Amino acid sequence: VDFVGYRFYHTHVLLRKSIKIRLFKLIRRYQSGKIDKQ
């Protein structure tokens, strides 16, 4: 069940794919030096 940012199953809950994509875009900006660690 894709709802409120998560995907719910009977046994576990996963983070929504679109949020993970935005998360790793941010990490790539850090790795390329566009933002600092702070």
Full PDB file with SEQRES, HELIX, SHEET, SSBOND, CRYST1, ORIGX, SCALE, CONECT and MASTER records, all heavy atoms in Angstrom:
SEQRES   1 A   38  VAL ASP PHE VAL GLY TYR ARG PHE TYR HIS THR HIS VAL          
SEQRES   2 A   38  LEU LEU ARG LYS SER ILE LYS ILE ARG LEU PHE LYS LEU          
SEQRES   3 A   38  ILE ARG ARG TYR GLN SER GLY LYS ILE ASP LYS GLN              
HELIX    1 AA1 LYS A   17  GLN A   31  1                                  15    
SHEET    1 AA1 2 TYR A   6  PHE A   8  0                                        
SHEET    2 AA1 2 VAL A  13  LEU A  15 -1                                        
CRYST1    1.000    1.000    1.000  90.00  90.00  90.00 P 1           1          
ORIGX1      1.000000  0.000000  0.000000        0.00000                         
ORIGX2      0.000000  1.000000  0.000000        0.00000                         
ORIGX3      0.000000  0.000000  1.000000        0.00000                         
SCALE1      1.000000  0.000000  0.000000        0.00000                         
SCALE2      0.000000  1.000000  0.000000        0.00000                         
SCALE3      0.000000  0.000000  1.000000        0.00000                         
ATOM      1  N   VAL A   1       0.857  -1.189   0.000  1.00  0.00           N  
ATOM      2  CA  VAL A   1       0.000   0.000   0.000  1.00  0.00           C  
ATOM      3  C   VAL A   1       0.892   1.238   0.000  1.00  0.00           C  
ATOM      4  O   VAL A   1       1.572   1.521   0.982  1.00  0.00           O  
ATOM      5  CB  VAL A   1      -0.935   0.018   1.227  1.00  0.00           C  
ATOM      6  CG1 VAL A   1      -1.842   1.244   1.191  1.00  0.00           C  
ATOM      7  CG2 VAL A   1      -1.748  -1.267   1.304  1.00  0.00           C  
ATOM      8  N   ASP A   2       0.914   1.967  -1.103  1.00  0.00           N  
ATOM      9  CA  ASP A   2       1.724   3.184  -1.221  1.00  0.00           C  
ATOM     10  C   ASP A   2       0.935   4.349  -0.621  1.00  0.00           C  
ATOM     11  O   ASP A   2      -0.016   4.853  -1.227  1.00  0.00           O  
ATOM     12  CB  ASP A   2       2.040   3.443  -2.696  1.00  0.00           C  
ATOM     13  CG  ASP A   2       3.069   4.549  -2.877  1.00  0.00           C  
ATOM     14  OD1 ASP A   2       3.341   5.271  -1.896  1.00  0.00           O  
ATOM     15  OD2 ASP A   2       3.595   4.702  -3.985  1.00  0.00           O  
ATOM     16  N   PHE A   3       1.356   4.798   0.584  1.00  0.00           N  
ATOM     17  CA  PHE A   3       0.558   5.772   1.332  1.00  0.00           C  
ATOM     18  C   PHE A   3       1.465   6.572   2.259  1.00  0.00           C  
ATOM     19  O   PHE A   3       2.357   6.012   2.892  1.00  0.00           O  
ATOM     20  CB  PHE A   3      -0.514   5.014   2.133  1.00  0.00           C  
ATOM     21  CG  PHE A   3      -1.593   5.867   2.739  1.00  0.00           C  
ATOM     22  CD1 PHE A   3      -2.298   6.773   1.972  1.00  0.00           C  
ATOM     23  CD2 PHE A   3      -1.926   5.739   4.076  1.00  0.00           C  
ATOM     24  CE1 PHE A   3      -3.310   7.547   2.528  1.00  0.00           C  
ATOM     25  CE2 PHE A   3      -2.939   6.504   4.641  1.00  0.00           C  
ATOM     26  CZ  PHE A   3      -3.632   7.409   3.860  1.00  0.00           C  
ATOM     27  N   VAL A   4       1.266   7.871   2.312  1.00  0.00           N  
ATOM     28  CA  VAL A   4       1.979   8.840   3.177  1.00  0.00           C  
ATOM     29  C   VAL A   4       3.500   8.636   3.191  1.00  0.00           C  
ATOM     30  O   VAL A   4       4.154   8.736   4.227  1.00  0.00           O  
ATOM     31  CB  VAL A   4       1.417   8.849   4.622  1.00  0.00           C  
ATOM     32  CG1 VAL A   4       0.007   9.373   4.654  1.00  0.00           C  
ATOM     33  CG2 VAL A   4       1.523   7.476   5.303  1.00  0.00           C  
ATOM     34  N   GLY A   5       4.074   8.357   2.037  1.00  0.00           N  
ATOM     35  CA  GLY A   5       5.527   8.282   1.927  1.00  0.00           C  
ATOM     36  C   GLY A   5       6.129   6.909   2.155  1.00  0.00           C  
ATOM     37  O   GLY A   5       7.353   6.751   2.078  1.00  0.00           O  
ATOM     38  N   TYR A   6       5.304   5.917   2.430  1.00  0.00           N  
ATOM     39  CA  TYR A   6       5.788   4.562   2.676  1.00  0.00           C  
ATOM     40  C   TYR A   6       5.041   3.570   1.794  1.00  0.00           C  
ATOM     41  O   TYR A   6       3.985   3.872   1.241  1.00  0.00           O  
ATOM     42  CB  TYR A   6       5.596   4.171   4.142  1.00  0.00           C  
ATOM     43  CG  TYR A   6       6.342   5.025   5.131  1.00  0.00           C  
ATOM     44  CD1 TYR A   6       5.690   6.029   5.833  1.00  0.00           C  
ATOM     45  CD2 TYR A   6       7.699   4.836   5.362  1.00  0.00           C  
ATOM     46  CE1 TYR A   6       6.371   6.817   6.750  1.00  0.00           C  
ATOM     47  CE2 TYR A   6       8.386   5.616   6.272  1.00  0.00           C  
ATOM     48  CZ  TYR A   6       7.720   6.612   6.962  1.00  0.00           C  
ATOM     49  OH  TYR A   6       8.401   7.400   7.864  1.00  0.00           O  
ATOM     50  N   ARG A   7       5.604   2.349   1.715  1.00  0.00           N  
ATOM     51  CA  ARG A   7       4.919   1.238   1.059  1.00  0.00           C  
ATOM     52  C   ARG A   7       4.732   0.138   2.106  1.00  0.00           C  
ATOM     53  O   ARG A   7       5.706  -0.445   2.594  1.00  0.00           O  
ATOM     54  CB  ARG A   7       5.720   0.726  -0.138  1.00  0.00           C  
ATOM     55  CG  ARG A   7       4.959  -0.275  -0.992  1.00  0.00           C  
ATOM     56  CD  ARG A   7       5.724  -0.611  -2.259  1.00  0.00           C  
ATOM     57  NE  ARG A   7       5.736   0.502  -3.194  1.00  0.00           N  
ATOM     58  CZ  ARG A   7       4.773   0.760  -4.074  1.00  0.00           C  
ATOM     59  NH1 ARG A   7       3.707  -0.021  -4.135  1.00  0.00           N  
ATOM     60  NH2 ARG A   7       4.872   1.779  -4.891  1.00  0.00           N  
ATOM     61  N   PHE A   8       3.476  -0.128   2.454  1.00  0.00           N  
ATOM     62  CA  PHE A   8       3.146  -1.014   3.569  1.00  0.00           C  
ATOM     63  C   PHE A   8       2.834  -2.421   3.071  1.00  0.00           C  
ATOM     64  O   PHE A   8       2.034  -2.611   2.142  1.00  0.00           O  
ATOM     65  CB  PHE A   8       1.927  -0.487   4.327  1.00  0.00           C  
ATOM     66  CG  PHE A   8       2.125   0.859   4.967  1.00  0.00           C  
ATOM     67  CD1 PHE A   8       1.913   2.025   4.250  1.00  0.00           C  
ATOM     68  CD2 PHE A   8       2.525   0.956   6.294  1.00  0.00           C  
ATOM     69  CE1 PHE A   8       2.090   3.266   4.838  1.00  0.00           C  
ATOM     70  CE2 PHE A   8       2.714   2.197   6.888  1.00  0.00           C  
ATOM     71  CZ  PHE A   8       2.496   3.346   6.160  1.00  0.00           C  
ATOM     72  N   TYR A   9       3.449  -3.417   3.728  1.00  0.00           N  
ATOM     73  CA  TYR A   9       3.135  -4.825   3.518  1.00  0.00           C  
ATOM     74  C   TYR A   9       2.688  -5.418   4.860  1.00  0.00           C  
ATOM     75  O   TYR A   9       2.770  -4.758   5.902  1.00  0.00           O  
ATOM     76  CB  TYR A   9       4.358  -5.581   3.000  1.00  0.00           C  
ATOM     77  CG  TYR A   9       4.836  -5.119   1.636  1.00  0.00           C  
ATOM     78  CD1 TYR A   9       5.694  -4.033   1.518  1.00  0.00           C  
ATOM     79  CD2 TYR A   9       4.429  -5.766   0.474  1.00  0.00           C  
ATOM     80  CE1 TYR A   9       6.131  -3.597   0.270  1.00  0.00           C  
ATOM     81  CE2 TYR A   9       4.867  -5.346  -0.775  1.00  0.00           C  
ATOM     82  CZ  TYR A   9       5.722  -4.259  -0.868  1.00  0.00           C  
ATOM     83  OH  TYR A   9       6.157  -3.831  -2.094  1.00  0.00           O  
ATOM     84  N   HIS A  10       2.248  -6.654   4.841  1.00  0.00           N  
ATOM     85  CA  HIS A  10       1.839  -7.283   6.097  1.00  0.00           C  
ATOM     86  C   HIS A  10       3.025  -7.560   7.010  1.00  0.00           C  
ATOM     87  O   HIS A  10       2.863  -7.636   8.237  1.00  0.00           O  
ATOM     88  CB  HIS A  10       1.106  -8.598   5.810  1.00  0.00           C  
ATOM     89  CG  HIS A  10      -0.312  -8.403   5.362  1.00  0.00           C  
ATOM     90  ND1 HIS A  10      -0.728  -8.612   4.068  1.00  0.00           N  
ATOM     91  CD2 HIS A  10      -1.415  -8.001   6.040  1.00  0.00           C  
ATOM     92  CE1 HIS A  10      -2.021  -8.361   3.971  1.00  0.00           C  
ATOM     93  NE2 HIS A  10      -2.466  -7.981   5.141  1.00  0.00           N  
ATOM     94  N   THR A  11       4.201  -7.708   6.436  1.00  0.00           N  
ATOM     95  CA  THR A  11       5.370  -8.101   7.227  1.00  0.00           C  
ATOM     96  C   THR A  11       6.379  -6.984   7.443  1.00  0.00           C  
ATOM     97  O   THR A  11       7.207  -7.060   8.345  1.00  0.00           O  
ATOM     98  CB  THR A  11       6.090  -9.283   6.547  1.00  0.00           C  
ATOM     99  OG1 THR A  11       6.408  -8.916   5.190  1.00  0.00           O  
ATOM    100  CG2 THR A  11       5.200 -10.520   6.548  1.00  0.00           C  
ATOM    101  N   HIS A  12       6.333  -5.936   6.623  1.00  0.00           N  
ATOM    102  CA  HIS A  12       7.340  -4.888   6.730  1.00  0.00           C  
ATOM    103  C   HIS A  12       6.849  -3.603   6.060  1.00  0.00           C  
ATOM    104  O   HIS A  12       5.807  -3.599   5.390  1.00  0.00           O  
ATOM    105  CB  HIS A  12       8.668  -5.336   6.108  1.00  0.00           C  
ATOM    106  CG  HIS A  12       8.565  -5.685   4.658  1.00  0.00           C  
ATOM    107  ND1 HIS A  12       8.002  -6.865   4.207  1.00  0.00           N  
ATOM    108  CD2 HIS A  12       8.936  -5.000   3.540  1.00  0.00           C  
ATOM    109  CE1 HIS A  12       8.056  -6.908   2.890  1.00  0.00           C  
ATOM    110  NE2 HIS A  12       8.600  -5.790   2.461  1.00  0.00           N  
ATOM    111  N   VAL A  13       7.627  -2.532   6.257  1.00  0.00           N  
ATOM    112  CA  VAL A  13       7.307  -1.225   5.674  1.00  0.00           C  
ATOM    113  C   VAL A  13       8.562  -0.684   5.000  1.00  0.00           C  
ATOM    114  O   VAL A  13       9.644  -0.674   5.610  1.00  0.00           O  
ATOM    115  CB  VAL A  13       6.830  -0.235   6.752  1.00  0.00           C  
ATOM    116  CG1 VAL A  13       6.486   1.116   6.124  1.00  0.00           C  
ATOM    117  CG2 VAL A  13       5.621  -0.776   7.500  1.00  0.00           C  
ATOM    118  N   LEU A  14       8.429  -0.224   3.765  1.00  0.00           N  
ATOM    119  CA  LEU A  14       9.553   0.336   3.012  1.00  0.00           C  
ATOM    120  C   LEU A  14       9.322   1.814   2.722  1.00  0.00           C  
ATOM    121  O   LEU A  14       8.175   2.285   2.700  1.00  0.00           O  
ATOM    122  CB  LEU A  14       9.748  -0.417   1.695  1.00  0.00           C  
ATOM    123  CG  LEU A  14      10.042  -1.916   1.792  1.00  0.00           C  
ATOM    124  CD1 LEU A  14      10.152  -2.520   0.396  1.00  0.00           C  
ATOM    125  CD2 LEU A  14      11.306  -2.179   2.594  1.00  0.00           C  
ATOM    126  N   LEU A  15      10.400   2.526   2.488  1.00  0.00           N  
ATOM    127  CA  LEU A  15      10.310   3.934   2.118  1.00  0.00           C  
ATOM    128  C   LEU A  15       9.867   4.054   0.659  1.00  0.00           C  
ATOM    129  O   LEU A  15      10.266   3.256  -0.183  1.00  0.00           O  
ATOM    130  CB  LEU A  15      11.667   4.613   2.307  1.00  0.00           C  
ATOM    131  CG  LEU A  15      11.712   6.143   2.198  1.00  0.00           C  
ATOM    132  CD1 LEU A  15      10.924   6.782   3.321  1.00  0.00           C  
ATOM    133  CD2 LEU A  15      13.158   6.630   2.222  1.00  0.00           C  
ATOM    134  N   ARG A  16       9.041   5.062   0.367  1.00  0.00           N  
ATOM    135  CA  ARG A  16       8.574   5.273  -1.002  1.00  0.00           C  
ATOM    136  C   ARG A  16       9.750   5.532  -1.945  1.00  0.00           C  
ATOM    137  O   ARG A  16      10.709   6.212  -1.592  1.00  0.00           O  
ATOM    138  CB  ARG A  16       7.595   6.447  -1.039  1.00  0.00           C  
ATOM    139  CG  ARG A  16       7.034   6.753  -2.403  1.00  0.00           C  
ATOM    140  CD  ARG A  16       6.090   7.932  -2.342  1.00  0.00           C  
ATOM    141  NE  ARG A  16       4.793   7.564  -1.788  1.00  0.00           N  
ATOM    142  CZ  ARG A  16       3.859   8.436  -1.415  1.00  0.00           C  
ATOM    143  NH1 ARG A  16       4.110   9.733  -1.499  1.00  0.00           N  
ATOM    144  NH2 ARG A  16       2.703   8.023  -0.929  1.00  0.00           N  
ATOM    145  N   LYS A  17       9.674   4.991  -3.150  1.00  0.00           N  
ATOM    146  CA  LYS A  17      10.777   5.070  -4.099  1.00  0.00           C  
ATOM    147  C   LYS A  17      11.137   6.510  -4.453  1.00  0.00           C  
ATOM    148  O   LYS A  17      12.317   6.863  -4.565  1.00  0.00           O  
ATOM    149  CB  LYS A  17      10.412   4.289  -5.366  1.00  0.00           C  
ATOM    150  CG  LYS A  17      11.543   4.194  -6.376  1.00  0.00           C  
ATOM    151  CD  LYS A  17      11.142   3.343  -7.572  1.00  0.00           C  
ATOM    152  CE  LYS A  17      12.280   3.253  -8.589  1.00  0.00           C  
ATOM    153  NZ  LYS A  17      11.891   2.429  -9.760  1.00  0.00           N  
ATOM    154  N   SER A  18      10.142   7.375  -4.638  1.00  0.00           N  
ATOM    155  CA  SER A  18      10.415   8.764  -5.027  1.00  0.00           C  
ATOM    156  C   SER A  18      11.199   9.506  -3.950  1.00  0.00           C  
ATOM    157  O   SER A  18      12.030  10.369  -4.253  1.00  0.00           O  
ATOM    158  CB  SER A  18       9.102   9.492  -5.316  1.00  0.00           C  
ATOM    159  OG  SER A  18       8.266   9.519  -4.169  1.00  0.00           O  
ATOM    160  N   ILE A  19      10.955   9.171  -2.677  1.00  0.00           N  
ATOM    161  CA  ILE A  19      11.707   9.804  -1.585  1.00  0.00           C  
ATOM    162  C   ILE A  19      13.146   9.322  -1.597  1.00  0.00           C  
ATOM    163  O   ILE A  19      14.081  10.098  -1.375  1.00  0.00           O  
ATOM    164  CB  ILE A  19      11.026   9.519  -0.230  1.00  0.00           C  
ATOM    165  CG1 ILE A  19       9.626  10.133  -0.208  1.00  0.00           C  
ATOM    166  CG2 ILE A  19      11.861  10.056   0.923  1.00  0.00           C  
ATOM    167  CD1 ILE A  19       8.838   9.849   1.051  1.00  0.00           C  
ATOM    168  N   LYS A  20      13.351   8.021  -1.864  1.00  0.00           N  
ATOM    169  CA  LYS A  20      14.721   7.497  -1.954  1.00  0.00           C  
ATOM    170  C   LYS A  20      15.489   8.158  -3.098  1.00  0.00           C  
ATOM    171  O   LYS A  20      16.682   8.443  -2.966  1.00  0.00           O  
ATOM    172  CB  LYS A  20      14.689   5.977  -2.147  1.00  0.00           C  
ATOM    173  CG  LYS A  20      14.348   5.211  -0.886  1.00  0.00           C  
ATOM    174  CD  LYS A  20      14.642   3.744  -1.014  1.00  0.00           C  
ATOM    175  CE  LYS A  20      13.580   3.043  -1.807  1.00  0.00           C  
ATOM    176  NZ  LYS A  20      13.750   1.562  -1.787  1.00  0.00           N  
ATOM    177  N   ILE A  21      14.810   8.412  -4.205  1.00  0.00           N  
ATOM    178  CA  ILE A  21      15.473   9.067  -5.336  1.00  0.00           C  
ATOM    179  C   ILE A  21      15.929  10.474  -4.934  1.00  0.00           C  
ATOM    180  O   ILE A  21      17.062  10.888  -5.227  1.00  0.00           O  
ATOM    181  CB  ILE A  21      14.524   9.119  -6.548  1.00  0.00           C  
ATOM    182  CG1 ILE A  21      14.315   7.697  -7.110  1.00  0.00           C  
ATOM    183  CG2 ILE A  21      15.081  10.042  -7.637  1.00  0.00           C  
ATOM    184  CD1 ILE A  21      13.250   7.614  -8.187  1.00  0.00           C  
ATOM    185  N   ARG A  22      15.071  11.241  -4.260  1.00  0.00           N  
ATOM    186  CA  ARG A  22      15.447  12.588  -3.813  1.00  0.00           C  
ATOM    187  C   ARG A  22      16.577  12.527  -2.793  1.00  0.00           C  
ATOM    188  O   ARG A  22      17.473  13.385  -2.775  1.00  0.00           O  
ATOM    189  CB  ARG A  22      14.230  13.304  -3.206  1.00  0.00           C  
ATOM    190  CG  ARG A  22      13.137  13.595  -4.193  1.00  0.00           C  
ATOM    191  CD  ARG A  22      12.243  14.741  -3.730  1.00  0.00           C  
ATOM    192  NE  ARG A  22      11.654  14.506  -2.433  1.00  0.00           N  
ATOM    193  CZ  ARG A  22      10.483  13.902  -2.239  1.00  0.00           C  
ATOM    194  NH1 ARG A  22       9.796  13.453  -3.285  1.00  0.00           N  
ATOM    195  NH2 ARG A  22       9.987  13.751  -1.034  1.00  0.00           N  
ATOM    196  N   LEU A  23      16.549  11.506  -1.935  1.00  0.00           N  
ATOM    197  CA  LEU A  23      17.600  11.331  -0.937  1.00  0.00           C  
ATOM    198  C   LEU A  23      18.964  11.135  -1.596  1.00  0.00           C  
ATOM    199  O   LEU A  23      19.951  11.801  -1.225  1.00  0.00           O  
ATOM    200  CB  LEU A  23      17.252  10.137  -0.049  1.00  0.00           C  
ATOM    201  CG  LEU A  23      18.349   9.584   0.866  1.00  0.00           C  
ATOM    202  CD1 LEU A  23      18.817  10.635   1.857  1.00  0.00           C  
ATOM    203  CD2 LEU A  23      17.857   8.350   1.608  1.00  0.00           C  
ATOM    204  N   PHE A  24      19.047  10.272  -2.598  1.00  0.00           N  
ATOM    205  CA  PHE A  24      20.340   9.995  -3.225  1.00  0.00           C  
ATOM    206  C   PHE A  24      20.769  11.099  -4.183  1.00  0.00           C  
ATOM    207  O   PHE A  24      21.963  11.247  -4.468  1.00  0.00           O  
ATOM    208  CB  PHE A  24      20.315   8.628  -3.914  1.00  0.00           C  
ATOM    209  CG  PHE A  24      20.452   7.495  -2.932  1.00  0.00           C  
ATOM    210  CD1 PHE A  24      19.347   6.780  -2.514  1.00  0.00           C  
ATOM    211  CD2 PHE A  24      21.692   7.191  -2.390  1.00  0.00           C  
ATOM    212  CE1 PHE A  24      19.471   5.759  -1.593  1.00  0.00           C  
ATOM    213  CE2 PHE A  24      21.827   6.165  -1.462  1.00  0.00           C  
ATOM    214  CZ  PHE A  24      20.711   5.446  -1.053  1.00  0.00           C  
ATOM    215  N   LYS A  25      19.835  11.897  -4.667  1.00  0.00           N  
ATOM    216  CA  LYS A  25      20.222  13.103  -5.406  1.00  0.00           C  
ATOM    217  C   LYS A  25      20.974  14.065  -4.486  1.00  0.00           C  
ATOM    218  O   LYS A  25      21.964  14.690  -4.878  1.00  0.00           O  
ATOM    219  CB  LYS A  25      18.981  13.788  -5.982  1.00  0.00           C  
ATOM    220  CG  LYS A  25      18.453  13.170  -7.258  1.00  0.00           C  
ATOM    221  CD  LYS A  25      17.265  13.968  -7.785  1.00  0.00           C  
ATOM    222  CE  LYS A  25      16.727  13.367  -9.080  1.00  0.00           C  
ATOM    223  NZ  LYS A  25      15.540  14.122  -9.575  1.00  0.00           N  
ATOM    224  N   LEU A  26      20.487  14.176  -3.248  1.00  0.00           N  
ATOM    225  CA  LEU A  26      21.155  15.023  -2.261  1.00  0.00           C  
ATOM    226  C   LEU A  26      22.551  14.494  -1.947  1.00  0.00           C  
ATOM    227  O   LEU A  26      23.519  15.271  -1.855  1.00  0.00           O  
ATOM    228  CB  LEU A  26      20.306  15.092  -0.993  1.00  0.00           C  
ATOM    229  CG  LEU A  26      20.872  15.898   0.181  1.00  0.00           C  
ATOM    230  CD1 LEU A  26      21.041  17.365  -0.193  1.00  0.00           C  
ATOM    231  CD2 LEU A  26      19.980  15.756   1.411  1.00  0.00           C  
ATOM    232  N   ILE A  27      22.678  13.184  -1.783  1.00  0.00           N  
ATOM    233  CA  ILE A  27      23.985  12.590  -1.492  1.00  0.00           C  
ATOM    234  C   ILE A  27      24.946  12.811  -2.658  1.00  0.00           C  
ATOM    235  O   ILE A  27      26.139  13.103  -2.453  1.00  0.00           O  
ATOM    236  CB  ILE A  27      23.824  11.086  -1.181  1.00  0.00           C  
ATOM    237  CG1 ILE A  27      23.084  10.910   0.154  1.00  0.00           C  
ATOM    238  CG2 ILE A  27      25.190  10.393  -1.124  1.00  0.00           C  
ATOM    239  CD1 ILE A  27      22.764   9.471   0.494  1.00  0.00           C  
ATOM    240  N   ARG A  28      24.463  12.706  -3.895  1.00  0.00           N  
ATOM    241  CA  ARG A  28      25.333  12.938  -5.053  1.00  0.00           C  
ATOM    242  C   ARG A  28      25.799  14.394  -5.106  1.00  0.00           C  
ATOM    243  O   ARG A  28      26.922  14.679  -5.529  1.00  0.00           O  
ATOM    244  CB  ARG A  28      24.603  12.552  -6.343  1.00  0.00           C  
ATOM    245  CG  ARG A  28      24.514  11.059  -6.576  1.00  0.00           C  
ATOM    246  CD  ARG A  28      24.186  10.728  -8.013  1.00  0.00           C  
ATOM    247  NE  ARG A  28      22.853  11.191  -8.378  1.00  0.00           N  
ATOM    248  CZ  ARG A  28      21.741  10.474  -8.227  1.00  0.00           C  
ATOM    249  NH1 ARG A  28      21.808   9.259  -7.686  1.00  0.00           N  
ATOM    250  NH2 ARG A  28      20.573  10.955  -8.600  1.00  0.00           N  
ATOM    251  N   ARG A  29      24.957  15.323  -4.679  1.00  0.00           N  
ATOM    252  CA  ARG A  29      25.381  16.729  -4.625  1.00  0.00           C  
ATOM    253  C   ARG A  29      26.524  16.906  -3.625  1.00  0.00           C  
ATOM    254  O   ARG A  29      27.449  17.678  -3.855  1.00  0.00           O  
ATOM    255  CB  ARG A  29      24.201  17.612  -4.231  1.00  0.00           C  
ATOM    256  CG  ARG A  29      23.130  17.733  -5.294  1.00  0.00           C  
ATOM    257  CD  ARG A  29      22.139  18.817  -4.938  1.00  0.00           C  
ATOM    258  NE  ARG A  29      22.774  20.132  -4.987  1.00  0.00           N  
ATOM    259  CZ  ARG A  29      22.250  21.232  -4.477  1.00  0.00           C  
ATOM    260  NH1 ARG A  29      21.091  21.174  -3.848  1.00  0.00           N  
ATOM    261  NH2 ARG A  29      22.881  22.378  -4.575  1.00  0.00           N  
ATOM    262  N   TYR A  30      26.452  16.182  -2.519  1.00  0.00           N  
ATOM    263  CA  TYR A  30      27.530  16.237  -1.528  1.00  0.00           C  
ATOM    264  C   TYR A  30      28.815  15.616  -2.086  1.00  0.00           C  
ATOM    265  O   TYR A  30      29.906  16.176  -1.938  1.00  0.00           O  
ATOM    266  CB  TYR A  30      27.098  15.514  -0.257  1.00  0.00           C  
ATOM    267  CG  TYR A  30      28.233  15.194   0.689  1.00  0.00           C  
ATOM    268  CD1 TYR A  30      28.883  16.209   1.391  1.00  0.00           C  
ATOM    269  CD2 TYR A  30      28.652  13.874   0.865  1.00  0.00           C  
ATOM    270  CE1 TYR A  30      29.930  15.906   2.252  1.00  0.00           C  
ATOM    271  CE2 TYR A  30      29.691  13.572   1.724  1.00  0.00           C  
ATOM    272  CZ  TYR A  30      30.336  14.593   2.415  1.00  0.00           C  
ATOM    273  OH  TYR A  30      31.369  14.300   3.270  1.00  0.00           O  
ATOM    274  N   GLN A  31      28.676  14.485  -2.757  1.00  0.00           N  
ATOM    275  CA  GLN A  31      29.850  13.802  -3.297  1.00  0.00           C  
ATOM    276  C   GLN A  31      30.526  14.606  -4.406  1.00  0.00           C  
ATOM    277  O   GLN A  31      31.741  14.507  -4.592  1.00  0.00           O  
ATOM    278  CB  GLN A  31      29.446  12.420  -3.816  1.00  0.00           C  
ATOM    279  CG  GLN A  31      29.043  11.444  -2.701  1.00  0.00           C  
ATOM    280  CD  GLN A  31      28.499  10.136  -3.242  1.00  0.00           C  
ATOM    281  OE1 GLN A  31      27.942  10.098  -4.352  1.00  0.00           O  
ATOM    282  NE2 GLN A  31      28.635   9.068  -2.475  1.00  0.00           N  
ATOM    283  N   SER A  32      29.743  15.410  -5.122  1.00  0.00           N  
ATOM    284  CA  SER A  32      30.324  16.233  -6.191  1.00  0.00           C  
ATOM    285  C   SER A  32      30.852  17.568  -5.675  1.00  0.00           C  
ATOM    286  O   SER A  32      31.375  18.367  -6.453  1.00  0.00           O  
ATOM    287  CB  SER A  32      29.271  16.485  -7.281  1.00  0.00           C  
ATOM    288  OG  SER A  32      28.175  17.230  -6.754  1.00  0.00           O  
ATOM    289  N   GLY A  33      30.706  17.833  -4.366  1.00  0.00           N  
ATOM    290  CA  GLY A  33      31.255  19.045  -3.770  1.00  0.00           C  
ATOM    291  C   GLY A  33      30.350  20.269  -3.843  1.00  0.00           C  
ATOM    292  O   GLY A  33      30.786  21.375  -3.510  1.00  0.00           O  
ATOM    293  N   LYS A  34      29.084  20.091  -4.246  1.00  0.00           N  
ATOM    294  CA  LYS A  34      28.177  21.233  -4.358  1.00  0.00           C  
ATOM    295  C   LYS A  34      27.673  21.713  -2.994  1.00  0.00           C  
ATOM    296  O   LYS A  34      27.282  22.872  -2.845  1.00  0.00           O  
ATOM    297  CB  LYS A  34      26.997  20.878  -5.261  1.00  0.00           C  
ATOM    298  CG  LYS A  34      27.414  20.659  -6.712  1.00  0.00           C  
ATOM    299  CD  LYS A  34      26.208  20.334  -7.586  1.00  0.00           C  
ATOM    300  CE  LYS A  34      26.645  20.128  -9.043  1.00  0.00           C  
ATOM    301  NZ  LYS A  34      25.490  19.777  -9.918  1.00  0.00           N  
ATOM    302  N   ILE A  35      27.624  20.817  -2.001  1.00  0.00           N  
ATOM    303  CA  ILE A  35      27.275  21.201  -0.631  1.00  0.00           C  
ATOM    304  C   ILE A  35      28.290  20.581   0.313  1.00  0.00           C  
ATOM    305  O   ILE A  35      28.890  19.536   0.015  1.00  0.00           O  
ATOM    306  CB  ILE A  35      25.842  20.764  -0.254  1.00  0.00           C  
ATOM    307  CG1 ILE A  35      25.681  19.240  -0.376  1.00  0.00           C  
ATOM    308  CG2 ILE A  35      24.802  21.483  -1.090  1.00  0.00           C  
ATOM    309  CD1 ILE A  35      24.342  18.740   0.137  1.00  0.00           C  
ATOM    310  N   ASP A  36      28.512  21.228   1.470  1.00  0.00           N  
ATOM    311  CA  ASP A  36      29.468  20.684   2.431  1.00  0.00           C  
ATOM    312  C   ASP A  36      28.773  19.718   3.384  1.00  0.00           C  
ATOM    313  O   ASP A  36      27.550  19.536   3.359  1.00  0.00           O  
ATOM    314  CB  ASP A  36      30.165  21.813   3.199  1.00  0.00           C  
ATOM    315  CG  ASP A  36      29.182  22.698   3.955  1.00  0.00           C  
ATOM    316  OD1 ASP A  36      28.028  22.282   4.173  1.00  0.00           O  
ATOM    317  OD2 ASP A  36      29.566  23.822   4.329  1.00  0.00           O  
ATOM    318  N   LYS A  37      29.570  19.116   4.279  1.00  0.00           N  
ATOM    319  CA  LYS A  37      29.027  18.087   5.167  1.00  0.00           C  
ATOM    320  C   LYS A  37      28.052  18.666   6.178  1.00  0.00           C  
ATOM    321  O   LYS A  37      27.070  18.010   6.559  1.00  0.00           O  
ATOM    322  CB  LYS A  37      30.169  17.371   5.890  1.00  0.00           C  
ATOM    323  CG  LYS A  37      29.730  16.090   6.583  1.00  0.00           C  
ATOM    324  CD  LYS A  37      30.901  15.198   6.910  1.00  0.00           C  
ATOM    325  CE  LYS A  37      30.429  13.842   7.418  1.00  0.00           C  
ATOM    326  NZ  LYS A  37      31.552  12.913   7.658  1.00  0.00           N  
ATOM    327  N   GLN A  38      28.291  19.887   6.632  1.00  0.00           N  
ATOM    328  CA  GLN A  38      27.382  20.506   7.588  1.00  0.00           C  
ATOM    329  C   GLN A  38      26.000  20.727   6.970  1.00  0.00           C  
ATOM    330  O   GLN A  38      24.977  20.467   7.607  1.00  0.00           O  
ATOM    331  CB  GLN A  38      27.952  21.842   8.072  1.00  0.00           C  
ATOM    332  CG  GLN A  38      27.109  22.504   9.161  1.00  0.00           C  
ATOM    333  CD  GLN A  38      27.763  23.765   9.677  1.00  0.00           C  
ATOM    334  OE1 GLN A  38      28.860  24.131   9.268  1.00  0.00           O  
ATOM    335  NE2 GLN A  38      27.093  24.425  10.601  1.00  0.00           N  
TER     336      GLN A  38                                                      
MASTER        0    0    0    1    2    0    0    6  335    1    0    3          
END                                                                             
